Amino acid sequence: MTTPTDDELAETILRLTTERSDRTTSPMDIARAIGGDHPDGWGPLMQPIRRVAVRLMKDGKLVITRKGRPVDPDDFRGVYRLRLPGDDPADQG
């Protein structure tokens, strides 16, 4: 498997998040869609997906949440989820 580019990762993140617009998406689901079900395929994609998700959030195209609330893209830890930006006032800050 060749390593996907950041643009390919961004396209997949946005496509899968759009398909699940009524709920959040797990970064692991995105990694598995690209790398397959075996951990050797999807595991190495987790950090690149996080990096691209942070960029997309800074560009206003994605919201990273933790425990249901938007995070500071420069300072968050642990389990997180992804969703499209909405009219939620919490998305603004």
PDB file of N, CA and C in Angstrom:
ATOM      1  N   MET A   1       0.842  -1.186   0.000  1.00  0.00           N
ATOM      2  CA  MET A   1       0.000   0.000   0.000  1.00  0.00           C
ATOM      3  C   MET A   1       0.885   1.247   0.000  1.00  0.00           C
ATOM      4  N   THR A   2       0.584   2.161  -0.875  1.00  0.00           N
ATOM      5  CA  THR A   2       1.303   3.423  -0.875  1.00  0.00           C
ATOM      6  C   THR A   2       0.643   4.367   0.120  1.00  0.00           C
ATOM      7  N   THR A   3       1.451   5.203   0.709  1.00  0.00           N
ATOM      8  CA  THR A   3       0.930   6.165   1.676  1.00  0.00           C
ATOM      9  C   THR A   3       0.147   7.240   0.944  1.00  0.00           C
ATOM     10  N   PRO A   4      -1.108   7.482   1.363  1.00  0.00           N
ATOM     11  CA  PRO A   4      -1.896   8.519   0.686  1.00  0.00           C
ATOM     12  C   PRO A   4      -1.344   9.910   0.980  1.00  0.00           C
ATOM     13  N   THR A   5      -1.538  10.800   0.039  1.00  0.00           N
ATOM     14  CA  THR A   5      -1.123  12.191   0.235  1.00  0.00           C
ATOM     15  C   THR A   5      -2.094  12.877   1.188  1.00  0.00           C
ATOM     16  N   ASP A   6      -1.687  14.039   1.704  1.00  0.00           N
ATOM     17  CA  ASP A   6      -2.575  14.813   2.568  1.00  0.00           C
ATOM     18  C   ASP A   6      -3.860  15.180   1.835  1.00  0.00           C
ATOM     19  N   ASP A   7      -3.766  15.497   0.555  1.00  0.00           N
ATOM     20  CA  ASP A   7      -4.968  15.840  -0.220  1.00  0.00           C
ATOM     21  C   ASP A   7      -5.900  14.635  -0.347  1.00  0.00           C
ATOM     22  N   GLU A   8      -5.338  13.446  -0.543  1.00  0.00           N
ATOM     23  CA  GLU A   8      -6.161  12.238  -0.615  1.00  0.00           C
ATOM     24  C   GLU A   8      -6.817  11.950   0.732  1.00  0.00           C
ATOM     25  N   LEU A   9      -6.072  12.156   1.810  1.00  0.00           N
ATOM     26  CA  LEU A   9      -6.647  11.970   3.141  1.00  0.00           C
ATOM     27  C   LEU A   9      -7.771  12.971   3.384  1.00  0.00           C
ATOM     28  N   ALA A  10      -7.551  14.227   3.022  1.00  0.00           N
ATOM     29  CA  ALA A  10      -8.564  15.263   3.211  1.00  0.00           C
ATOM     30  C   ALA A  10      -9.830  14.914   2.432  1.00  0.00           C
ATOM     31  N   GLU A  11      -9.682  14.452   1.199  1.00  0.00           N
ATOM     32  CA  GLU A  11     -10.838  14.087   0.378  1.00  0.00           C
ATOM     33  C   GLU A  11     -11.623  12.958   1.040  1.00  0.00           C
ATOM     34  N   THR A  12     -10.928  11.962   1.558  1.00  0.00           N
ATOM     35  CA  THR A  12     -11.600  10.831   2.199  1.00  0.00           C
ATOM     36  C   THR A  12     -12.273  11.263   3.500  1.00  0.00           C
ATOM     37  N   ILE A  13     -11.592  12.080   4.291  1.00  0.00           N
ATOM     38  CA  ILE A  13     -12.177  12.582   5.539  1.00  0.00           C
ATOM     39  C   ILE A  13     -13.472  13.331   5.240  1.00  0.00           C
ATOM     40  N   LEU A  14     -13.429  14.249   4.284  1.00  0.00           N
ATOM     41  CA  LEU A  14     -14.609  15.051   3.971  1.00  0.00           C
ATOM     42  C   LEU A  14     -15.722  14.209   3.352  1.00  0.00           C
ATOM     43  N   ARG A  15     -15.362  13.264   2.511  1.00  0.00           N
ATOM     44  CA  ARG A  15     -16.380  12.405   1.878  1.00  0.00           C
ATOM     45  C   ARG A  15     -17.093  11.561   2.927  1.00  0.00           C
ATOM     46  N   LEU A  16     -16.331  10.886   3.797  1.00  0.00           N
ATOM     47  CA  LEU A  16     -16.958  10.023   4.793  1.00  0.00           C
ATOM     48  C   LEU A  16     -17.737  10.829   5.831  1.00  0.00           C
ATOM     49  N   THR A  17     -17.237  11.985   6.180  1.00  0.00           N
ATOM     50  CA  THR A  17     -17.935  12.827   7.144  1.00  0.00           C
ATOM     51  C   THR A  17     -19.230  13.362   6.538  1.00  0.00           C
ATOM     52  N   THR A  18     -19.205  13.684   5.258  1.00  0.00           N
ATOM     53  CA  THR A  18     -20.416  14.139   4.568  1.00  0.00           C
ATOM     54  C   THR A  18     -21.442  13.015   4.488  1.00  0.00           C
ATOM     55  N   GLU A  19     -20.980  11.804   4.213  1.00  0.00           N
ATOM     56  CA  GLU A  19     -21.896  10.660   4.132  1.00  0.00           C
ATOM     57  C   GLU A  19     -22.592  10.412   5.466  1.00  0.00           C
ATOM     58  N   ARG A  20     -21.943  10.771   6.561  1.00  0.00           N
ATOM     59  CA  ARG A  20     -22.498  10.551   7.901  1.00  0.00           C
ATOM     60  C   ARG A  20     -22.854  11.877   8.553  1.00  0.00           C
ATOM     61  N   SER A  21     -23.412  12.766   7.776  1.00  0.00           N
ATOM     62  CA  SER A  21     -23.644  14.139   8.232  1.00  0.00           C
ATOM     63  C   SER A  21     -24.543  14.237   9.452  1.00  0.00           C
ATOM     64  N   ASP A  22     -25.324  13.198   9.733  1.00  0.00           N
ATOM     65  CA  ASP A  22     -26.210  13.262  10.891  1.00  0.00           C
ATOM     66  C   ASP A  22     -25.528  12.815  12.179  1.00  0.00           C
ATOM     67  N   ARG A  23     -24.270  12.386  12.091  1.00  0.00           N
ATOM     68  CA  ARG A  23     -23.544  11.975  13.290  1.00  0.00           C
ATOM     69  C   ARG A  23     -22.041  12.150  13.067  1.00  0.00           C
ATOM     70  N   THR A  24     -21.280  11.970  14.119  1.00  0.00           N
ATOM     71  CA  THR A  24     -19.837  12.145  14.003  1.00  0.00           C
ATOM     72  C   THR A  24     -19.194  10.899  13.407  1.00  0.00           C
ATOM     73  N   THR A  25     -17.966  11.071  12.956  1.00  0.00           N
ATOM     74  CA  THR A  25     -17.200   9.998  12.343  1.00  0.00           C
ATOM     75  C   THR A  25     -15.936   9.763  13.157  1.00  0.00           C
ATOM     76  N   SER A  26     -15.595   8.520  13.324  1.00  0.00           N
ATOM     77  CA  SER A  26     -14.376   8.149  14.032  1.00  0.00           C
ATOM     78  C   SER A  26     -13.182   8.210  13.080  1.00  0.00           C
ATOM     79  N   PRO A  27     -12.047   8.756  13.531  1.00  0.00           N
ATOM     80  CA  PRO A  27     -10.848   8.727  12.687  1.00  0.00           C
ATOM     81  C   PRO A  27     -10.444   7.292  12.323  1.00  0.00           C
ATOM     82  N   MET A  28     -10.740   6.332  13.213  1.00  0.00           N
ATOM     83  CA  MET A  28     -10.408   4.935  12.920  1.00  0.00           C
ATOM     84  C   MET A  28     -11.223   4.423  11.741  1.00  0.00           C
ATOM     85  N   ASP A  29     -12.481   4.852  11.630  1.00  0.00           N
ATOM     86  CA  ASP A  29     -13.295   4.446  10.479  1.00  0.00           C
ATOM     87  C   ASP A  29     -12.692   4.971   9.177  1.00  0.00           C
ATOM     88  N   ILE A  30     -12.173   6.177   9.226  1.00  0.00           N
ATOM     89  CA  ILE A  30     -11.539   6.766   8.047  1.00  0.00           C
ATOM     90  C   ILE A  30     -10.267   5.994   7.703  1.00  0.00           C
ATOM     91  N   ALA A  31      -9.463   5.702   8.718  1.00  0.00           N
ATOM     92  CA  ALA A  31      -8.221   4.947   8.496  1.00  0.00           C
ATOM     93  C   ALA A  31      -8.521   3.571   7.915  1.00  0.00           C
ATOM     94  N   ARG A  32      -9.553   2.908   8.413  1.00  0.00           N
ATOM     95  CA  ARG A  32      -9.917   1.586   7.902  1.00  0.00           C
ATOM     96  C   ARG A  32     -10.453   1.653   6.474  1.00  0.00           C
ATOM     97  N   ALA A  33     -11.149   2.719   6.134  1.00  0.00           N
ATOM     98  CA  ALA A  33     -11.642   2.873   4.763  1.00  0.00           C
ATOM     99  C   ALA A  33     -10.481   2.980   3.780  1.00  0.00           C
ATOM    100  N   ILE A  34      -9.382   3.533   4.239  1.00  0.00           N
ATOM    101  CA  ILE A  34      -8.207   3.701   3.374  1.00  0.00           C
ATOM    102  C   ILE A  34      -7.277   2.495   3.447  1.00  0.00           C
ATOM    103  N   GLY A  35      -6.973   2.048   4.671  1.00  0.00           N
ATOM    104  CA  GLY A  35      -5.941   1.038   4.868  1.00  0.00           C
ATOM    105  C   GLY A  35      -6.418  -0.379   5.070  1.00  0.00           C
ATOM    106  N   GLY A  36      -7.738  -0.591   5.122  1.00  0.00           N
ATOM    107  CA  GLY A  36      -8.261  -1.934   5.336  1.00  0.00           C
ATOM    108  C   GLY A  36      -8.438  -2.239   6.818  1.00  0.00           C
ATOM    109  N   ASP A  37      -8.930  -3.442   7.113  1.00  0.00           N
ATOM    110  CA  ASP A  37      -9.280  -3.805   8.482  1.00  0.00           C
ATOM    111  C   ASP A  37      -8.105  -4.257   9.347  1.00  0.00           C
ATOM    112  N   HIS A  38      -6.992  -4.605   8.733  1.00  0.00           N
ATOM    113  CA  HIS A  38      -5.846  -5.072   9.528  1.00  0.00           C
ATOM    114  C   HIS A  38      -5.107  -3.867  10.121  1.00  0.00           C
ATOM    115  N   PRO A  39      -4.751  -3.950  11.409  1.00  0.00           N
ATOM    116  CA  PRO A  39      -4.063  -2.823  12.060  1.00  0.00           C
ATOM    117  C   PRO A  39      -2.786  -2.362  11.352  1.00  0.00           C
ATOM    118  N   ASP A  40      -2.106  -3.274  10.671  1.00  0.00           N
ATOM    119  CA  ASP A  40      -0.901  -2.871   9.935  1.00  0.00           C
ATOM    120  C   ASP A  40      -1.239  -1.937   8.781  1.00  0.00           C
ATOM    121  N   GLY A  41      -2.466  -1.999   8.302  1.00  0.00           N
ATOM    122  CA  GLY A  41      -2.889  -1.132   7.210  1.00  0.00           C
ATOM    123  C   GLY A  41      -3.408   0.206   7.691  1.00  0.00           C
ATOM    124  N   TRP A  42      -4.290   0.179   8.715  1.00  0.00           N
ATOM    125  CA  TRP A  42      -4.907   1.435   9.160  1.00  0.00           C
ATOM    126  C   TRP A  42      -4.127   2.140  10.264  1.00  0.00           C
ATOM    127  N   GLY A  43      -3.400   1.412  11.079  1.00  0.00           N
ATOM    128  CA  GLY A  43      -2.688   2.005  12.224  1.00  0.00           C
ATOM    129  C   GLY A  43      -1.756   3.153  11.855  1.00  0.00           C
ATOM    130  N   PRO A  44      -0.900   2.968  10.847  1.00  0.00           N
ATOM    131  CA  PRO A  44       0.019   4.050  10.485  1.00  0.00           C
ATOM    132  C   PRO A  44      -0.665   5.301   9.931  1.00  0.00           C
ATOM    133  N   LEU A  45      -1.946   5.205   9.613  1.00  0.00           N
ATOM    134  CA  LEU A  45      -2.668   6.361   9.056  1.00  0.00           C
ATOM    135  C   LEU A  45      -3.246   7.274  10.129  1.00  0.00           C
ATOM    136  N   MET A  46      -3.276   6.828  11.374  1.00  0.00           N
ATOM    137  CA  MET A  46      -3.955   7.597  12.419  1.00  0.00           C
ATOM    138  C   MET A  46      -3.329   8.981  12.640  1.00  0.00           C
ATOM    139  N   GLN A  47      -2.019   9.075  12.713  1.00  0.00           N
ATOM    140  CA  GLN A  47      -1.381  10.387  12.912  1.00  0.00           C
ATOM    141  C   GLN A  47      -1.540  11.294  11.688  1.00  0.00           C
ATOM    142  N   PRO A  48      -1.331  10.781  10.469  1.00  0.00           N
ATOM    143  CA  PRO A  48      -1.579  11.647   9.304  1.00  0.00           C
ATOM    144  C   PRO A  48      -3.028  12.126   9.227  1.00  0.00           C
ATOM    145  N   ILE A  49      -3.984  11.271   9.586  1.00  0.00           N
ATOM    146  CA  ILE A  49      -5.390  11.685   9.572  1.00  0.00           C
ATOM    147  C   ILE A  49      -5.612  12.790  10.596  1.00  0.00           C
ATOM    148  N   ARG A  50      -5.028  12.665  11.763  1.00  0.00           N
ATOM    149  CA  ARG A  50      -5.160  13.706  12.789  1.00  0.00           C
ATOM    150  C   ARG A  50      -4.588  15.030  12.277  1.00  0.00           C
ATOM    151  N   ARG A  51      -3.417  14.976  11.674  1.00  0.00           N
ATOM    152  CA  ARG A  51      -2.760  16.181  11.158  1.00  0.00           C
ATOM    153  C   ARG A  51      -3.643  16.866  10.102  1.00  0.00           C
ATOM    154  N   VAL A  52      -4.193  16.079   9.188  1.00  0.00           N
ATOM    155  CA  VAL A  52      -5.037  16.633   8.131  1.00  0.00           C
ATOM    156  C   VAL A  52      -6.351  17.152   8.720  1.00  0.00           C
ATOM    157  N   ALA A  53      -6.917  16.450   9.692  1.00  0.00           N
ATOM    158  CA  ALA A  53      -8.154  16.904  10.332  1.00  0.00           C
ATOM    159  C   ALA A  53      -7.946  18.256  11.014  1.00  0.00           C
ATOM    160  N   VAL A  54      -6.798  18.444  11.657  1.00  0.00           N
ATOM    161  CA  VAL A  54      -6.488  19.732  12.293  1.00  0.00           C
ATOM    162  C   VAL A  54      -6.436  20.828  11.230  1.00  0.00           C
ATOM    163  N   ARG A  55      -5.787  20.552  10.116  1.00  0.00           N
ATOM    164  CA  ARG A  55      -5.731  21.543   9.028  1.00  0.00           C
ATOM    165  C   ARG A  55      -7.126  21.883   8.512  1.00  0.00           C
ATOM    166  N   LEU A  56      -7.956  20.853   8.322  1.00  0.00           N
ATOM    167  CA  LEU A  56      -9.311  21.078   7.836  1.00  0.00           C
ATOM    168  C   LEU A  56     -10.139  21.885   8.830  1.00  0.00           C
ATOM    169  N   MET A  57      -9.929  21.658  10.123  1.00  0.00           N
ATOM    170  CA  MET A  57     -10.660  22.440  11.123  1.00  0.00           C
ATOM    171  C   MET A  57     -10.214  23.901  11.078  1.00  0.00           C
ATOM    172  N   LYS A  58      -8.926  24.120  10.958  1.00  0.00           N
ATOM    173  CA  LYS A  58      -8.416  25.496  10.873  1.00  0.00           C
ATOM    174  C   LYS A  58      -8.927  26.200   9.621  1.00  0.00           C
ATOM    175  N   ASP A  59      -9.202  25.426   8.567  1.00  0.00           N
ATOM    176  CA  ASP A  59      -9.749  25.984   7.327  1.00  0.00           C
ATOM    177  C   ASP A  59     -11.273  26.137   7.374  1.00  0.00           C
ATOM    178  N   GLY A  60     -11.891  25.713   8.486  1.00  0.00           N
ATOM    179  CA  GLY A  60     -13.332  25.839   8.644  1.00  0.00           C
ATOM    180  C   GLY A  60     -14.151  24.776   7.921  1.00  0.00           C
ATOM    181  N   LYS A  61     -13.507  23.686   7.492  1.00  0.00           N
ATOM    182  CA  LYS A  61     -14.198  22.654   6.727  1.00  0.00           C
ATOM    183  C   LYS A  61     -14.636  21.465   7.576  1.00  0.00           C
ATOM    184  N   LEU A  62     -14.173  21.409   8.835  1.00  0.00           N
ATOM    185  CA  LEU A  62     -14.398  20.251   9.690  1.00  0.00           C
ATOM    186  C   LEU A  62     -14.399  20.719  11.135  1.00  0.00           C
ATOM    187  N   VAL A  63     -15.082  19.963  12.001  1.00  0.00           N
ATOM    188  CA  VAL A  63     -15.041  20.226  13.439  1.00  0.00           C
ATOM    189  C   VAL A  63     -14.525  18.961  14.120  1.00  0.00           C
ATOM    190  N   ILE A  64     -13.529  19.107  14.961  1.00  0.00           N
ATOM    191  CA  ILE A  64     -13.011  18.010  15.768  1.00  0.00           C
ATOM    192  C   ILE A  64     -13.671  18.143  17.136  1.00  0.00           C
ATOM    193  N   THR A  65     -14.286  17.056  17.596  1.00  0.00           N
ATOM    194  CA  THR A  65     -14.952  17.102  18.890  1.00  0.00           C
ATOM    195  C   THR A  65     -14.363  16.078  19.843  1.00  0.00           C
ATOM    196  N   ARG A  66     -14.476  16.383  21.098  1.00  0.00           N
ATOM    197  CA  ARG A  66     -14.114  15.464  22.175  1.00  0.00           C
ATOM    198  C   ARG A  66     -15.220  15.587  23.209  1.00  0.00           C
ATOM    199  N   LYS A  67     -15.811  14.456  23.559  1.00  0.00           N
ATOM    200  CA  LYS A  67     -16.946  14.438  24.480  1.00  0.00           C
ATOM    201  C   LYS A  67     -18.062  15.358  23.989  1.00  0.00           C
ATOM    202  N   GLY A  68     -18.255  15.399  22.660  1.00  0.00           N
ATOM    203  CA  GLY A  68     -19.346  16.148  22.066  1.00  0.00           C
ATOM    204  C   GLY A  68     -19.121  17.640  21.892  1.00  0.00           C
ATOM    205  N   ARG A  69     -17.972  18.132  22.285  1.00  0.00           N
ATOM    206  CA  ARG A  69     -17.704  19.572  22.190  1.00  0.00           C
ATOM    207  C   ARG A  69     -16.502  19.838  21.288  1.00  0.00           C
ATOM    208  N   PRO A  70     -16.559  20.921  20.514  1.00  0.00           N
ATOM    209  CA  PRO A  70     -15.409  21.269  19.674  1.00  0.00           C
ATOM    210  C   PRO A  70     -14.161  21.496  20.516  1.00  0.00           C
ATOM    211  N   VAL A  71     -13.027  21.109  19.975  1.00  0.00           N
ATOM    212  CA  VAL A  71     -11.751  21.243  20.671  1.00  0.00           C
ATOM    213  C   VAL A  71     -10.929  22.375  20.064  1.00  0.00           C
ATOM    214  N   ASP A  72      -9.902  22.772  20.772  1.00  0.00           N
ATOM    215  CA  ASP A  72      -8.880  23.668  20.233  1.00  0.00           C
ATOM    216  C   ASP A  72      -8.002  22.789  19.339  1.00  0.00           C
ATOM    217  N   PRO A  73      -7.949  23.049  18.032  1.00  0.00           N
ATOM    218  CA  PRO A  73      -7.198  22.157  17.143  1.00  0.00           C
ATOM    219  C   PRO A  73      -5.702  22.094  17.466  1.00  0.00           C
ATOM    220  N   ASP A  74      -5.190  23.077  18.181  1.00  0.00           N
ATOM    221  CA  ASP A  74      -3.768  23.075  18.531  1.00  0.00           C
ATOM    222  C   ASP A  74      -3.486  22.401  19.870  1.00  0.00           C
ATOM    223  N   ASP A  75      -4.552  22.031  20.602  1.00  0.00           N
ATOM    224  CA  ASP A  75      -4.324  21.509  21.949  1.00  0.00           C
ATOM    225  C   ASP A  75      -5.458  20.586  22.371  1.00  0.00           C
ATOM    226  N   PHE A  76      -5.431  19.333  21.891  1.00  0.00           N
ATOM    227  CA  PHE A  76      -6.407  18.352  22.360  1.00  0.00           C
ATOM    228  C   PHE A  76      -5.740  16.991  22.442  1.00  0.00           C
ATOM    229  N   ARG A  77      -6.272  16.176  23.323  1.00  0.00           N
ATOM    230  CA  ARG A  77      -5.719  14.843  23.537  1.00  0.00           C
ATOM    231  C   ARG A  77      -6.839  13.821  23.552  1.00  0.00           C
ATOM    232  N   GLY A  78      -6.446  12.574  23.429  1.00  0.00           N
ATOM    233  CA  GLY A  78      -7.379  11.479  23.606  1.00  0.00           C
ATOM    234  C   GLY A  78      -8.275  11.212  22.414  1.00  0.00           C
ATOM    235  N   VAL A  79      -9.368  10.518  22.707  1.00  0.00           N
ATOM    236  CA  VAL A  79     -10.318  10.092  21.690  1.00  0.00           C
ATOM    237  C   VAL A  79     -11.062  11.302  21.153  1.00  0.00           C
ATOM    238  N   TYR A  80     -11.152  11.393  19.848  1.00  0.00           N
ATOM    239  CA  TYR A  80     -11.860  12.511  19.228  1.00  0.00           C
ATOM    240  C   TYR A  80     -12.709  11.994  18.082  1.00  0.00           C
ATOM    241  N   ARG A  81     -13.653  12.816  17.658  1.00  0.00           N
ATOM    242  CA  ARG A  81     -14.558  12.493  16.562  1.00  0.00           C
ATOM    243  C   ARG A  81     -14.566  13.662  15.582  1.00  0.00           C
ATOM    244  N   LEU A  82     -15.077  13.416  14.402  1.00  0.00           N
ATOM    245  CA  LEU A  82     -15.098  14.424  13.354  1.00  0.00           C
ATOM    246  C   LEU A  82     -16.522  14.635  12.860  1.00  0.00           C
ATOM    247  N   ARG A  83     -16.858  15.882  12.571  1.00  0.00           N
ATOM    248  CA  ARG A  83     -18.153  16.191  11.977  1.00  0.00           C
ATOM    249  C   ARG A  83     -18.017  17.445  11.135  1.00  0.00           C
ATOM    250  N   LEU A  84     -19.032  17.666  10.321  1.00  0.00           N
ATOM    251  CA  LEU A  84     -19.055  18.871   9.494  1.00  0.00           C
ATOM    252  C   LEU A  84     -19.426  20.069  10.354  1.00  0.00           C
ATOM    253  N   PRO A  85     -18.956  21.252   9.982  1.00  0.00           N
ATOM    254  CA  PRO A  85     -19.361  22.448  10.716  1.00  0.00           C
ATOM    255  C   PRO A  85     -20.856  22.689  10.536  1.00  0.00           C
ATOM    256  N   GLY A  86     -21.472  23.251  11.548  1.00  0.00           N
ATOM    257  CA  GLY A  86     -22.892  23.529  11.488  1.00  0.00           C
ATOM    258  C   GLY A  86     -23.198  24.888  12.076  1.00  0.00           C
ATOM    259  N   ASP A  87     -24.431  25.072  12.431  1.00  0.00           N
ATOM    260  CA  ASP A  87     -24.865  26.331  13.005  1.00  0.00           C
ATOM    261  C   ASP A  87     -24.697  26.367  14.515  1.00  0.00           C
ATOM    262  N   ASP A  88     -24.119  25.326  15.068  1.00  0.00           N
ATOM    263  CA  ASP A  88     -23.914  25.263  16.514  1.00  0.00           C
ATOM    264  C   ASP A  88     -22.991  26.406  16.940  1.00  0.00           C
ATOM    265  N   PRO A  89     -23.420  27.291  17.845  1.00  0.00           N
ATOM    266  CA  PRO A  89     -22.565  28.395  18.286  1.00  0.00           C
ATOM    267  C   PRO A  89     -21.233  27.916  18.868  1.00  0.00           C
ATOM    268  N   ALA A  90     -21.211  26.706  19.387  1.00  0.00           N
ATOM    269  CA  ALA A  90     -19.964  26.174  19.947  1.00  0.00           C
ATOM    270  C   ALA A  90     -18.911  25.986  18.867  1.00  0.00           C
ATOM    271  N   ASP A  91     -19.351  25.836  17.600  1.00  0.00           N
ATOM    272  CA  ASP A  91     -18.394  25.669  16.499  1.00  0.00           C
ATOM    273  C   ASP A  91     -17.558  26.931  16.291  1.00  0.00           C
ATOM    274  N   GLN A  92     -18.053  28.061  16.703  1.00  0.00           N
ATOM    275  CA  GLN A  92     -17.379  29.320  16.458  1.00  0.00           C
ATOM    276  C   GLN A  92     -16.197  29.553  17.390  1.00  0.00           C
ATOM    277  N   GLY A  93     -16.064  28.783  18.427  1.00  0.00           N
ATOM    278  CA  GLY A  93     -14.973  29.082  19.333  1.00  0.00           C
ATOM    279  C   GLY A  93     -14.477  27.901  20.001  1.00  0.00           C
TER     280      GLY A  93
END
